[in-house]
Amino acid sequence: MYSRKYLAALIVLAAMITFHSCSSKMVTPGAVRSSYHIEEQSVMKTDSLEGFSFLPDSRIKTRSIHDADSIWLEIRTSDTLTIRSLVINGMTVFFDPEAKKNQKFGISIPAARAEMLRRHDATPAENATKSSDTIQPALMFDPSQWVEAIRLREAVVRDNKGTRFASTENVKLFMDDNNELVYLIRFAFDQMGVSGEELQRISIGIVSQLHQAQLAGQQGGGGVATRPNISDRNRQQPRQTTQQRPIRMRLIPVNTWQVLLINEQPPEEKSDATDSSDRDDVYR
């Protein structure tokens, strides 16, 4: 027979294993994540991904904190194709207090595409080498200069008061020292007409759409890039024209959503849901 002390030790060990298992689930990609309260930032940074999770069907990761008044969202990506697409096409971050996919409230970050067309300084890449990244660049693209160009323009906020320019305190973007594209977004709960103390969950969406010229395969051979067959050696090269436009890159659309729990504990059985049918159920 086991002694009482030995049985107690087994119970504690089992509890620790269970807690570690649940914690591991909380950092896996999925459609449901917890937003950390502002007083829990130290806890957020202790998990294996420092509070980040990858959004479904994308190479974008996010983490968030909140208080009774606002929610702060940090968005990051190091994927070359995603960076290029978000910078050139712009993007909108949506907040839906109904935890669905409504595109009523959000902040739109400007696109660099118009500025690139004006400057006409994009040139074909020379001596391109193969890399393990998502796509081989079709031309030399330095995102830093275009991110700086975007920062000189104002983002647009859409909330229950209408549409207007957003404050610089609500939107920040930059390239960090690790060449990651970073967006910092703040949105107040009263901008959606809800109470942060009563709200149980909120969904966030990151949407970046292609322009019509890209959808039509114009701009000197650019268009929609697909994964994983993004480098077809047998693809016929586009003819060079005397009026070649500067933007000749393949870009991807982005449309990814995630539910953030505000005043609700995550159900263990749904914390690692990655199946597409499970993700759809989250928003119903």
C-alpha atoms as a PDB file:
ATOM      1  CA  MET A   1       0.000   0.000   0.000  1.00  0.00           C
ATOM      2  CA  TYR A   2       1.184   3.501  -0.811  1.00  0.00           C
ATOM      3  CA  SER A   3       1.636   5.893   2.079  1.00  0.00           C
ATOM      4  CA  ARG A   4      -0.531   8.991   2.259  1.00  0.00           C
ATOM      5  CA  LYS A   5       2.529  11.205   1.620  1.00  0.00           C
ATOM      6  CA  TYR A   6       3.369   9.213  -1.523  1.00  0.00           C
ATOM      7  CA  LEU A   7      -0.192   9.443  -2.808  1.00  0.00           C
ATOM      8  CA  ALA A   8      -0.246  13.183  -2.144  1.00  0.00           C
ATOM      9  CA  ALA A   9       2.988  13.583  -4.138  1.00  0.00           C
ATOM     10  CA  LEU A  10       1.448  11.667  -7.043  1.00  0.00           C
ATOM     11  CA  ILE A  11      -1.613  13.935  -7.016  1.00  0.00           C
ATOM     12  CA  VAL A  12       0.573  17.086  -7.075  1.00  0.00           C
ATOM     13  CA  LEU A  13       2.685  15.663  -9.920  1.00  0.00           C
ATOM     14  CA  ALA A  14      -0.433  14.789 -11.918  1.00  0.00           C
ATOM     15  CA  ALA A  15      -1.748  18.301 -11.408  1.00  0.00           C
ATOM     16  CA  MET A  16       1.540  19.789 -12.629  1.00  0.00           C
ATOM     17  CA  ILE A  17       1.508  17.597 -15.750  1.00  0.00           C
ATOM     18  CA  THR A  18      -2.102  18.569 -16.456  1.00  0.00           C
ATOM     19  CA  PHE A  19      -1.297  22.262 -16.025  1.00  0.00           C
ATOM     20  CA  HIS A  20       1.712  21.993 -18.340  1.00  0.00           C
ATOM     21  CA  SER A  21      -0.407  20.205 -20.941  1.00  0.00           C
ATOM     22  CA  CYS A  22      -3.061  22.931 -20.833  1.00  0.00           C
ATOM     23  CA  SER A  23      -0.409  25.634 -21.014  1.00  0.00           C
ATOM     24  CA  SER A  24       1.092  23.982 -24.092  1.00  0.00           C
ATOM     25  CA  LYS A  25      -2.302  23.959 -25.755  1.00  0.00           C
ATOM     26  CA  MET A  26      -2.706  27.652 -25.094  1.00  0.00           C
ATOM     27  CA  VAL A  27       0.291  28.558 -27.278  1.00  0.00           C
ATOM     28  CA  THR A  28      -0.575  26.433 -30.288  1.00  0.00           C
ATOM     29  CA  PRO A  29      -2.115  27.998 -33.400  1.00  0.00           C
ATOM     30  CA  GLY A  30      -5.868  28.177 -33.233  1.00  0.00           C
ATOM     31  CA  ALA A  31      -8.995  30.215 -33.598  1.00  0.00           C
ATOM     32  CA  VAL A  32      -9.460  31.001 -29.897  1.00  0.00           C
ATOM     33  CA  ARG A  33      -6.974  32.734 -27.631  1.00  0.00           C
ATOM     34  CA  SER A  34      -7.082  34.597 -24.341  1.00  0.00           C
ATOM     35  CA  SER A  35      -6.288  38.285 -24.202  1.00  0.00           C
ATOM     36  CA  TYR A  36      -4.123  39.079 -21.194  1.00  0.00           C
ATOM     37  CA  HIS A  37      -5.238  41.692 -18.711  1.00  0.00           C
ATOM     38  CA  ILE A  38      -2.823  44.598 -18.560  1.00  0.00           C
ATOM     39  CA  GLU A  39      -1.769  43.502 -15.079  1.00  0.00           C
ATOM     40  CA  GLU A  40      -0.823  40.065 -16.424  1.00  0.00           C
ATOM     41  CA  GLN A  41       1.882  41.179 -18.854  1.00  0.00           C
ATOM     42  CA  SER A  42       4.582  39.472 -16.799  1.00  0.00           C
ATOM     43  CA  VAL A  43       2.612  36.226 -16.985  1.00  0.00           C
ATOM     44  CA  MET A  44       2.151  36.664 -20.726  1.00  0.00           C
ATOM     45  CA  LYS A  45       5.902  36.810 -21.288  1.00  0.00           C
ATOM     46  CA  THR A  46       6.567  33.620 -19.360  1.00  0.00           C
ATOM     47  CA  ASP A  47       4.853  31.215 -21.759  1.00  0.00           C
ATOM     48  CA  SER A  48       6.832  29.559 -24.541  1.00  0.00           C
ATOM     49  CA  LEU A  49       5.769  32.074 -27.226  1.00  0.00           C
ATOM     50  CA  GLU A  50       5.539  35.102 -24.930  1.00  0.00           C
ATOM     51  CA  GLY A  51       1.788  35.281 -25.475  1.00  0.00           C
ATOM     52  CA  PHE A  52       1.926  35.093 -29.277  1.00  0.00           C
ATOM     53  CA  SER A  53      -0.157  32.746 -31.383  1.00  0.00           C
ATOM     54  CA  PHE A  54      -0.273  32.277 -35.141  1.00  0.00           C
ATOM     55  CA  LEU A  55      -3.503  33.230 -36.847  1.00  0.00           C
ATOM     56  CA  PRO A  56      -5.212  30.492 -38.866  1.00  0.00           C
ATOM     57  CA  ASP A  57      -4.140  30.058 -42.504  1.00  0.00           C
ATOM     58  CA  SER A  58      -1.476  32.740 -42.293  1.00  0.00           C
ATOM     59  CA  ARG A  59       2.084  33.458 -41.231  1.00  0.00           C
ATOM     60  CA  ILE A  60       1.004  36.251 -38.921  1.00  0.00           C
ATOM     61  CA  LYS A  61       1.255  36.071 -35.150  1.00  0.00           C
ATOM     62  CA  THR A  62      -0.508  38.248 -32.598  1.00  0.00           C
ATOM     63  CA  ARG A  63      -0.801  38.832 -28.890  1.00  0.00           C
ATOM     64  CA  SER A  64      -3.046  41.202 -26.991  1.00  0.00           C
ATOM     65  CA  ILE A  65      -3.574  42.867 -23.655  1.00  0.00           C
ATOM     66  CA  HIS A  66      -6.584  44.769 -22.366  1.00  0.00           C
ATOM     67  CA  ASP A  67      -7.986  46.730 -19.469  1.00  0.00           C
ATOM     68  CA  ALA A  68     -11.487  47.996 -18.737  1.00  0.00           C
ATOM     69  CA  ASP A  69     -11.162  50.702 -21.389  1.00  0.00           C
ATOM     70  CA  SER A  70      -9.152  49.403 -24.356  1.00  0.00           C
ATOM     71  CA  ILE A  71      -7.588  46.456 -26.117  1.00  0.00           C
ATOM     72  CA  TRP A  72      -4.037  46.575 -27.490  1.00  0.00           C
ATOM     73  CA  LEU A  73      -3.065  44.259 -30.331  1.00  0.00           C
ATOM     74  CA  GLU A  74       0.486  43.465 -31.433  1.00  0.00           C
ATOM     75  CA  ILE A  75       0.766  42.006 -34.929  1.00  0.00           C
ATOM     76  CA  ARG A  76       3.997  40.554 -36.320  1.00  0.00           C
ATOM     77  CA  THR A  77       5.232  38.669 -39.363  1.00  0.00           C
ATOM     78  CA  SER A  78       8.689  37.769 -40.650  1.00  0.00           C
ATOM     79  CA  ASP A  79       7.470  36.065 -43.823  1.00  0.00           C
ATOM     80  CA  THR A  80       8.768  37.908 -46.910  1.00  0.00           C
ATOM     81  CA  LEU A  81       5.671  37.350 -49.037  1.00  0.00           C
ATOM     82  CA  THR A  82       3.310  38.395 -46.249  1.00  0.00           C
ATOM     83  CA  ILE A  83       5.347  41.505 -45.424  1.00  0.00           C
ATOM     84  CA  ARG A  84       5.415  42.545 -49.052  1.00  0.00           C
ATOM     85  CA  SER A  85       1.689  41.960 -49.481  1.00  0.00           C
ATOM     86  CA  LEU A  86       0.654  43.851 -46.337  1.00  0.00           C
ATOM     87  CA  VAL A  87       2.933  46.796 -47.101  1.00  0.00           C
ATOM     88  CA  ILE A  88       1.996  47.156 -50.769  1.00  0.00           C
ATOM     89  CA  ASN A  89      -1.737  46.440 -50.428  1.00  0.00           C
ATOM     90  CA  GLY A  90      -2.298  47.924 -46.981  1.00  0.00           C
ATOM     91  CA  MET A  91      -4.459  46.187 -44.410  1.00  0.00           C
ATOM     92  CA  THR A  92      -7.406  46.656 -42.076  1.00  0.00           C
ATOM     93  CA  VAL A  93      -7.618  45.332 -38.534  1.00  0.00           C
ATOM     94  CA  PHE A  94     -11.256  44.655 -37.617  1.00  0.00           C
ATOM     95  CA  PHE A  95     -12.741  44.324 -34.130  1.00  0.00           C
ATOM     96  CA  ASP A  96     -16.093  42.587 -33.732  1.00  0.00           C
ATOM     97  CA  PRO A  97     -17.597  42.612 -30.214  1.00  0.00           C
ATOM     98  CA  GLU A  98     -20.121  40.002 -31.364  1.00  0.00           C
ATOM     99  CA  ALA A  99     -17.188  37.586 -31.840  1.00  0.00           C
ATOM    100  CA  LYS A 100     -18.170  36.953 -35.456  1.00  0.00           C
ATOM    101  CA  LYS A 101     -16.653  38.314 -38.668  1.00  0.00           C
ATOM    102  CA  ASN A 102     -18.439  41.636 -38.960  1.00  0.00           C
ATOM    103  CA  GLN A 103     -16.363  44.368 -40.585  1.00  0.00           C
ATOM    104  CA  LYS A 104     -18.023  47.323 -38.900  1.00  0.00           C
ATOM    105  CA  PHE A 105     -15.275  48.570 -36.562  1.00  0.00           C
ATOM    106  CA  GLY A 106     -11.600  48.755 -37.352  1.00  0.00           C
ATOM    107  CA  ILE A 107      -8.476  50.640 -38.369  1.00  0.00           C
ATOM    108  CA  SER A 108      -7.186  50.748 -41.949  1.00  0.00           C
ATOM    109  CA  ILE A 109      -3.451  51.185 -42.505  1.00  0.00           C
ATOM    110  CA  PRO A 110      -2.532  52.843 -45.836  1.00  0.00           C
ATOM    111  CA  ALA A 111      -0.976  50.952 -48.746  1.00  0.00           C
ATOM    112  CA  ALA A 112       2.445  51.778 -50.183  1.00  0.00           C
ATOM    113  CA  ARG A 113       1.435  50.800 -53.708  1.00  0.00           C
ATOM    114  CA  ALA A 114       0.522  54.302 -54.903  1.00  0.00           C
ATOM    115  CA  GLU A 115       3.766  55.728 -53.541  1.00  0.00           C
ATOM    116  CA  MET A 116       5.761  52.985 -55.253  1.00  0.00           C
ATOM    117  CA  LEU A 117       4.107  53.785 -58.562  1.00  0.00           C
ATOM    118  CA  ARG A 118       4.924  57.447 -58.108  1.00  0.00           C
ATOM    119  CA  ARG A 119       8.562  56.912 -57.331  1.00  0.00           C
ATOM    120  CA  HIS A 120       9.181  54.420 -60.144  1.00  0.00           C
ATOM    121  CA  ASP A 121      12.295  53.180 -58.432  1.00  0.00           C
ATOM    122  CA  ALA A 122      11.636  49.450 -58.272  1.00  0.00           C
ATOM    123  CA  THR A 123      14.118  47.472 -60.385  1.00  0.00           C
ATOM    124  CA  PRO A 124      14.443  43.761 -61.209  1.00  0.00           C
ATOM    125  CA  ALA A 125      16.588  41.799 -58.810  1.00  0.00           C
ATOM    126  CA  GLU A 126      20.077  40.878 -59.975  1.00  0.00           C
ATOM    127  CA  ASN A 127      21.962  37.744 -59.025  1.00  0.00           C
ATOM    128  CA  ALA A 128      18.955  36.435 -57.117  1.00  0.00           C
ATOM    129  CA  THR A 129      19.743  33.434 -54.986  1.00  0.00           C
ATOM    130  CA  LYS A 130      17.498  30.693 -53.731  1.00  0.00           C
ATOM    131  CA  SER A 131      16.255  30.941 -50.169  1.00  0.00           C
ATOM    132  CA  SER A 132      14.096  28.890 -47.827  1.00  0.00           C
ATOM    133  CA  ASP A 133      11.602  31.743 -47.515  1.00  0.00           C
ATOM    134  CA  THR A 134       8.103  31.735 -48.931  1.00  0.00           C
ATOM    135  CA  ILE A 135       8.890  33.219 -52.322  1.00  0.00           C
ATOM    136  CA  GLN A 136      11.901  34.358 -54.277  1.00  0.00           C
ATOM    137  CA  PRO A 137      11.643  38.148 -54.645  1.00  0.00           C
ATOM    138  CA  ALA A 138      10.829  39.268 -58.181  1.00  0.00           C
ATOM    139  CA  LEU A 139      12.646  42.521 -57.567  1.00  0.00           C
ATOM    140  CA  MET A 140      14.701  44.227 -54.932  1.00  0.00           C
ATOM    141  CA  PHE A 141      12.197  45.186 -52.245  1.00  0.00           C
ATOM    142  CA  ASP A 142      13.298  46.934 -49.100  1.00  0.00           C
ATOM    143  CA  PRO A 143      10.233  47.101 -46.846  1.00  0.00           C
ATOM    144  CA  SER A 144      11.809  49.607 -44.460  1.00  0.00           C
ATOM    145  CA  GLN A 145      11.579  52.560 -46.844  1.00  0.00           C
ATOM    146  CA  TRP A 146       7.975  51.781 -47.718  1.00  0.00           C
ATOM    147  CA  VAL A 147       7.005  51.306 -44.073  1.00  0.00           C
ATOM    148  CA  GLU A 148       8.475  54.737 -43.441  1.00  0.00           C
ATOM    149  CA  ALA A 149       6.409  56.122 -46.342  1.00  0.00           C
ATOM    150  CA  ILE A 150       3.261  54.595 -44.832  1.00  0.00           C
ATOM    151  CA  ARG A 151       4.056  56.143 -41.444  1.00  0.00           C
ATOM    152  CA  LEU A 152       3.917  59.579 -43.056  1.00  0.00           C
ATOM    153  CA  ARG A 153       0.298  58.949 -43.997  1.00  0.00           C
ATOM    154  CA  GLU A 154      -2.648  58.734 -41.611  1.00  0.00           C
ATOM    155  CA  ALA A 155      -4.540  55.568 -40.865  1.00  0.00           C
ATOM    156  CA  VAL A 156      -8.333  55.626 -40.913  1.00  0.00           C
ATOM    157  CA  VAL A 157     -10.502  54.492 -38.015  1.00  0.00           C
ATOM    158  CA  ARG A 158     -14.098  53.351 -38.350  1.00  0.00           C
ATOM    159  CA  ASP A 159     -16.144  53.131 -35.160  1.00  0.00           C
ATOM    160  CA  ASN A 160     -19.578  54.021 -33.776  1.00  0.00           C
ATOM    161  CA  LYS A 161     -18.822  57.727 -34.351  1.00  0.00           C
ATOM    162  CA  GLY A 162     -18.169  57.281 -38.061  1.00  0.00           C
ATOM    163  CA  THR A 163     -15.015  57.359 -40.180  1.00  0.00           C
ATOM    164  CA  ARG A 164     -12.076  59.669 -39.503  1.00  0.00           C
ATOM    165  CA  PHE A 165      -8.301  59.767 -39.285  1.00  0.00           C
ATOM    166  CA  ALA A 166      -6.824  57.719 -36.470  1.00  0.00           C
ATOM    167  CA  SER A 167      -4.547  59.133 -33.806  1.00  0.00           C
ATOM    168  CA  THR A 168      -0.883  58.176 -33.897  1.00  0.00           C
ATOM    169  CA  GLU A 169      -1.397  56.829 -30.378  1.00  0.00           C
ATOM    170  CA  ASN A 170      -3.748  54.219 -31.823  1.00  0.00           C
ATOM    171  CA  VAL A 171      -1.556  52.962 -34.671  1.00  0.00           C
ATOM    172  CA  LYS A 172       2.180  52.337 -34.907  1.00  0.00           C
ATOM    173  CA  LEU A 173       4.149  50.267 -37.400  1.00  0.00           C
ATOM    174  CA  PHE A 174       7.834  49.615 -37.961  1.00  0.00           C
ATOM    175  CA  MET A 175      10.421  47.047 -38.987  1.00  0.00           C
ATOM    176  CA  ASP A 176      12.263  45.757 -35.936  1.00  0.00           C
ATOM    177  CA  ASP A 177      15.896  44.673 -35.643  1.00  0.00           C
ATOM    178  CA  ASN A 178      14.956  41.116 -36.644  1.00  0.00           C
ATOM    179  CA  ASN A 179      13.353  42.304 -39.900  1.00  0.00           C
ATOM    180  CA  GLU A 180       9.874  41.596 -38.589  1.00  0.00           C
ATOM    181  CA  LEU A 181       7.012  43.824 -39.659  1.00  0.00           C
ATOM    182  CA  VAL A 182       5.267  45.062 -36.499  1.00  0.00           C
ATOM    183  CA  TYR A 183       1.888  46.747 -36.041  1.00  0.00           C
ATOM    184  CA  LEU A 184       0.712  48.069 -32.671  1.00  0.00           C
ATOM    185  CA  ILE A 185      -3.020  48.781 -32.569  1.00  0.00           C
ATOM    186  CA  ARG A 186      -5.131  50.248 -29.774  1.00  0.00           C
ATOM    187  CA  PHE A 187      -8.926  50.261 -29.898  1.00  0.00           C
ATOM    188  CA  ALA A 188     -11.221  51.482 -27.124  1.00  0.00           C
ATOM    189  CA  PHE A 189     -14.235  49.411 -26.131  1.00  0.00           C
ATOM    190  CA  ASP A 190     -16.495  52.447 -26.117  1.00  0.00           C
ATOM    191  CA  GLN A 191     -15.651  52.935 -29.813  1.00  0.00           C
ATOM    192  CA  MET A 192     -17.704  49.777 -30.310  1.00  0.00           C
ATOM    193  CA  GLY A 193     -20.365  50.740 -27.797  1.00  0.00           C
ATOM    194  CA  VAL A 194     -19.503  47.947 -25.369  1.00  0.00           C
ATOM    195  CA  SER A 195     -18.131  47.662 -21.846  1.00  0.00           C
ATOM    196  CA  GLY A 196     -14.737  46.098 -21.368  1.00  0.00           C
ATOM    197  CA  GLU A 197     -15.794  44.879 -17.941  1.00  0.00           C
ATOM    198  CA  GLU A 198     -18.785  42.985 -19.320  1.00  0.00           C
ATOM    199  CA  LEU A 199     -17.518  41.847 -22.729  1.00  0.00           C
ATOM    200  CA  GLN A 200     -16.828  38.114 -22.780  1.00  0.00           C
ATOM    201  CA  ARG A 201     -15.080  37.759 -26.124  1.00  0.00           C
ATOM    202  CA  ILE A 202     -14.183  39.727 -29.220  1.00  0.00           C
ATOM    203  CA  SER A 203     -12.988  38.633 -32.646  1.00  0.00           C
ATOM    204  CA  ILE A 204     -10.196  40.335 -34.539  1.00  0.00           C
ATOM    205  CA  GLY A 205      -9.643  40.101 -38.264  1.00  0.00           C
ATOM    206  CA  ILE A 206      -6.666  41.028 -40.414  1.00  0.00           C
ATOM    207  CA  VAL A 207      -7.699  41.671 -44.008  1.00  0.00           C
ATOM    208  CA  SER A 208      -5.487  42.761 -46.898  1.00  0.00           C
ATOM    209  CA  GLN A 209      -7.013  42.684 -50.358  1.00  0.00           C
ATOM    210  CA  LEU A 210      -5.418  42.611 -53.773  1.00  0.00           C
ATOM    211  CA  HIS A 211      -5.972  45.481 -56.175  1.00  0.00           C
ATOM    212  CA  GLN A 212      -7.857  44.908 -59.400  1.00  0.00           C
ATOM    213  CA  ALA A 213      -4.686  45.266 -61.476  1.00  0.00           C
ATOM    214  CA  GLN A 214      -3.077  42.458 -59.491  1.00  0.00           C
ATOM    215  CA  LEU A 215      -6.156  40.268 -59.789  1.00  0.00           C
ATOM    216  CA  ALA A 216      -6.048  40.734 -63.549  1.00  0.00           C
ATOM    217  CA  GLY A 217      -2.388  39.781 -63.661  1.00  0.00           C
ATOM    218  CA  GLN A 218      -1.313  43.199 -64.863  1.00  0.00           C
ATOM    219  CA  GLN A 219       1.609  45.401 -63.789  1.00  0.00           C
ATOM    220  CA  GLY A 220       4.193  43.544 -65.827  1.00  0.00           C
ATOM    221  CA  GLY A 221       3.345  40.023 -64.759  1.00  0.00           C
ATOM    222  CA  GLY A 222       2.340  40.465 -61.143  1.00  0.00           C
ATOM    223  CA  GLY A 223      -0.665  38.745 -59.669  1.00  0.00           C
ATOM    224  CA  VAL A 224      -1.820  36.370 -56.984  1.00  0.00           C
ATOM    225  CA  ALA A 225       0.825  34.097 -55.541  1.00  0.00           C
ATOM    226  CA  THR A 226      -0.224  30.629 -54.446  1.00  0.00           C
ATOM    227  CA  ARG A 227       1.413  28.202 -52.071  1.00  0.00           C
ATOM    228  CA  PRO A 228       3.312  25.962 -52.423  1.00  0.00           C
ATOM    229  CA  ASN A 229       3.861  26.009 -56.205  1.00  0.00           C
ATOM    230  CA  ILE A 230       5.109  29.562 -56.298  1.00  0.00           C
ATOM    231  CA  SER A 231       8.127  29.050 -58.534  1.00  0.00           C
ATOM    232  CA  ASP A 232       7.200  27.315 -61.770  1.00  0.00           C
ATOM    233  CA  ARG A 233      10.299  27.097 -63.947  1.00  0.00           C
ATOM    234  CA  ASN A 234       8.193  26.296 -66.969  1.00  0.00           C
ATOM    235  CA  ARG A 235       6.049  29.388 -66.610  1.00  0.00           C
ATOM    236  CA  GLN A 236       6.271  31.628 -69.655  1.00  0.00           C
ATOM    237  CA  GLN A 237       8.041  34.867 -68.903  1.00  0.00           C
ATOM    238  CA  PRO A 238       6.036  38.037 -69.600  1.00  0.00           C
ATOM    239  CA  ARG A 239       7.095  40.167 -72.507  1.00  0.00           C
ATOM    240  CA  GLN A 240       9.027  43.296 -71.726  1.00  0.00           C
ATOM    241  CA  THR A 241       7.362  46.505 -72.806  1.00  0.00           C
ATOM    242  CA  THR A 242       8.653  50.014 -73.189  1.00  0.00           C
ATOM    243  CA  GLN A 243       6.113  51.200 -70.607  1.00  0.00           C
ATOM    244  CA  GLN A 244       7.034  48.661 -67.952  1.00  0.00           C
ATOM    245  CA  ARG A 245       5.459  49.504 -64.630  1.00  0.00           C
ATOM    246  CA  PRO A 246       7.628  49.416 -61.506  1.00  0.00           C
ATOM    247  CA  ILE A 247       5.597  46.950 -59.451  1.00  0.00           C
ATOM    248  CA  ARG A 248       6.191  43.436 -60.804  1.00  0.00           C
ATOM    249  CA  MET A 249       5.686  41.283 -57.734  1.00  0.00           C
ATOM    250  CA  ARG A 250       3.353  38.483 -56.851  1.00  0.00           C
ATOM    251  CA  LEU A 251       1.300  39.198 -53.773  1.00  0.00           C
ATOM    252  CA  ILE A 252      -1.211  37.294 -51.677  1.00  0.00           C
ATOM    253  CA  PRO A 253      -4.523  38.335 -50.128  1.00  0.00           C
ATOM    254  CA  VAL A 254      -4.812  37.996 -46.354  1.00  0.00           C
ATOM    255  CA  ASN A 255      -8.055  37.281 -44.537  1.00  0.00           C
ATOM    256  CA  THR A 256      -7.591  35.683 -41.134  1.00  0.00           C
ATOM    257  CA  TRP A 257      -9.671  35.881 -37.964  1.00  0.00           C
ATOM    258  CA  GLN A 258      -9.284  34.947 -34.342  1.00  0.00           C
ATOM    259  CA  VAL A 259     -11.485  35.113 -31.249  1.00  0.00           C
ATOM    260  CA  LEU A 260      -9.961  36.716 -28.156  1.00  0.00           C
ATOM    261  CA  LEU A 261     -11.414  35.888 -24.756  1.00  0.00           C
ATOM    262  CA  ILE A 262     -11.724  38.969 -22.549  1.00  0.00           C
ATOM    263  CA  ASN A 263     -13.701  37.965 -19.469  1.00  0.00           C
ATOM    264  CA  GLU A 264     -14.094  34.308 -20.289  1.00  0.00           C
ATOM    265  CA  GLN A 265     -11.949  31.312 -19.461  1.00  0.00           C
ATOM    266  CA  PRO A 266     -10.845  29.216 -22.447  1.00  0.00           C
ATOM    267  CA  PRO A 267     -12.501  25.800 -22.701  1.00  0.00           C
ATOM    268  CA  GLU A 268      -9.719  23.202 -22.730  1.00  0.00           C
ATOM    269  CA  GLU A 269     -11.356  21.107 -25.414  1.00  0.00           C
ATOM    270  CA  LYS A 270     -11.391  24.037 -27.854  1.00  0.00           C
ATOM    271  CA  SER A 271      -8.080  25.693 -27.021  1.00  0.00           C
ATOM    272  CA  ASP A 272      -6.170  23.814 -29.735  1.00  0.00           C
ATOM    273  CA  ALA A 273      -8.898  23.795 -32.395  1.00  0.00           C
ATOM    274  CA  THR A 274      -7.240  24.058 -35.783  1.00  0.00           C
ATOM    275  CA  ASP A 275      -9.712  22.204 -37.971  1.00  0.00           C
ATOM    276  CA  SER A 276     -11.478  24.528 -40.417  1.00  0.00           C
ATOM    277  CA  SER A 277     -14.940  23.321 -39.380  1.00  0.00           C
ATOM    278  CA  ASP A 278     -14.112  24.010 -35.723  1.00  0.00           C
ATOM    279  CA  ARG A 279     -12.910  27.495 -36.617  1.00  0.00           C
ATOM    280  CA  ASP A 280     -16.170  28.238 -38.431  1.00  0.00           C
ATOM    281  CA  ASP A 281     -18.161  27.172 -35.375  1.00  0.00           C
ATOM    282  CA  VAL A 282     -16.338  29.730 -33.251  1.00  0.00           C
ATOM    283  CA  TYR A 283     -18.010  32.622 -35.051  1.00  0.00           C
ATOM    284  CA  ARG A 284     -21.577  31.280 -34.979  1.00  0.00           C
END
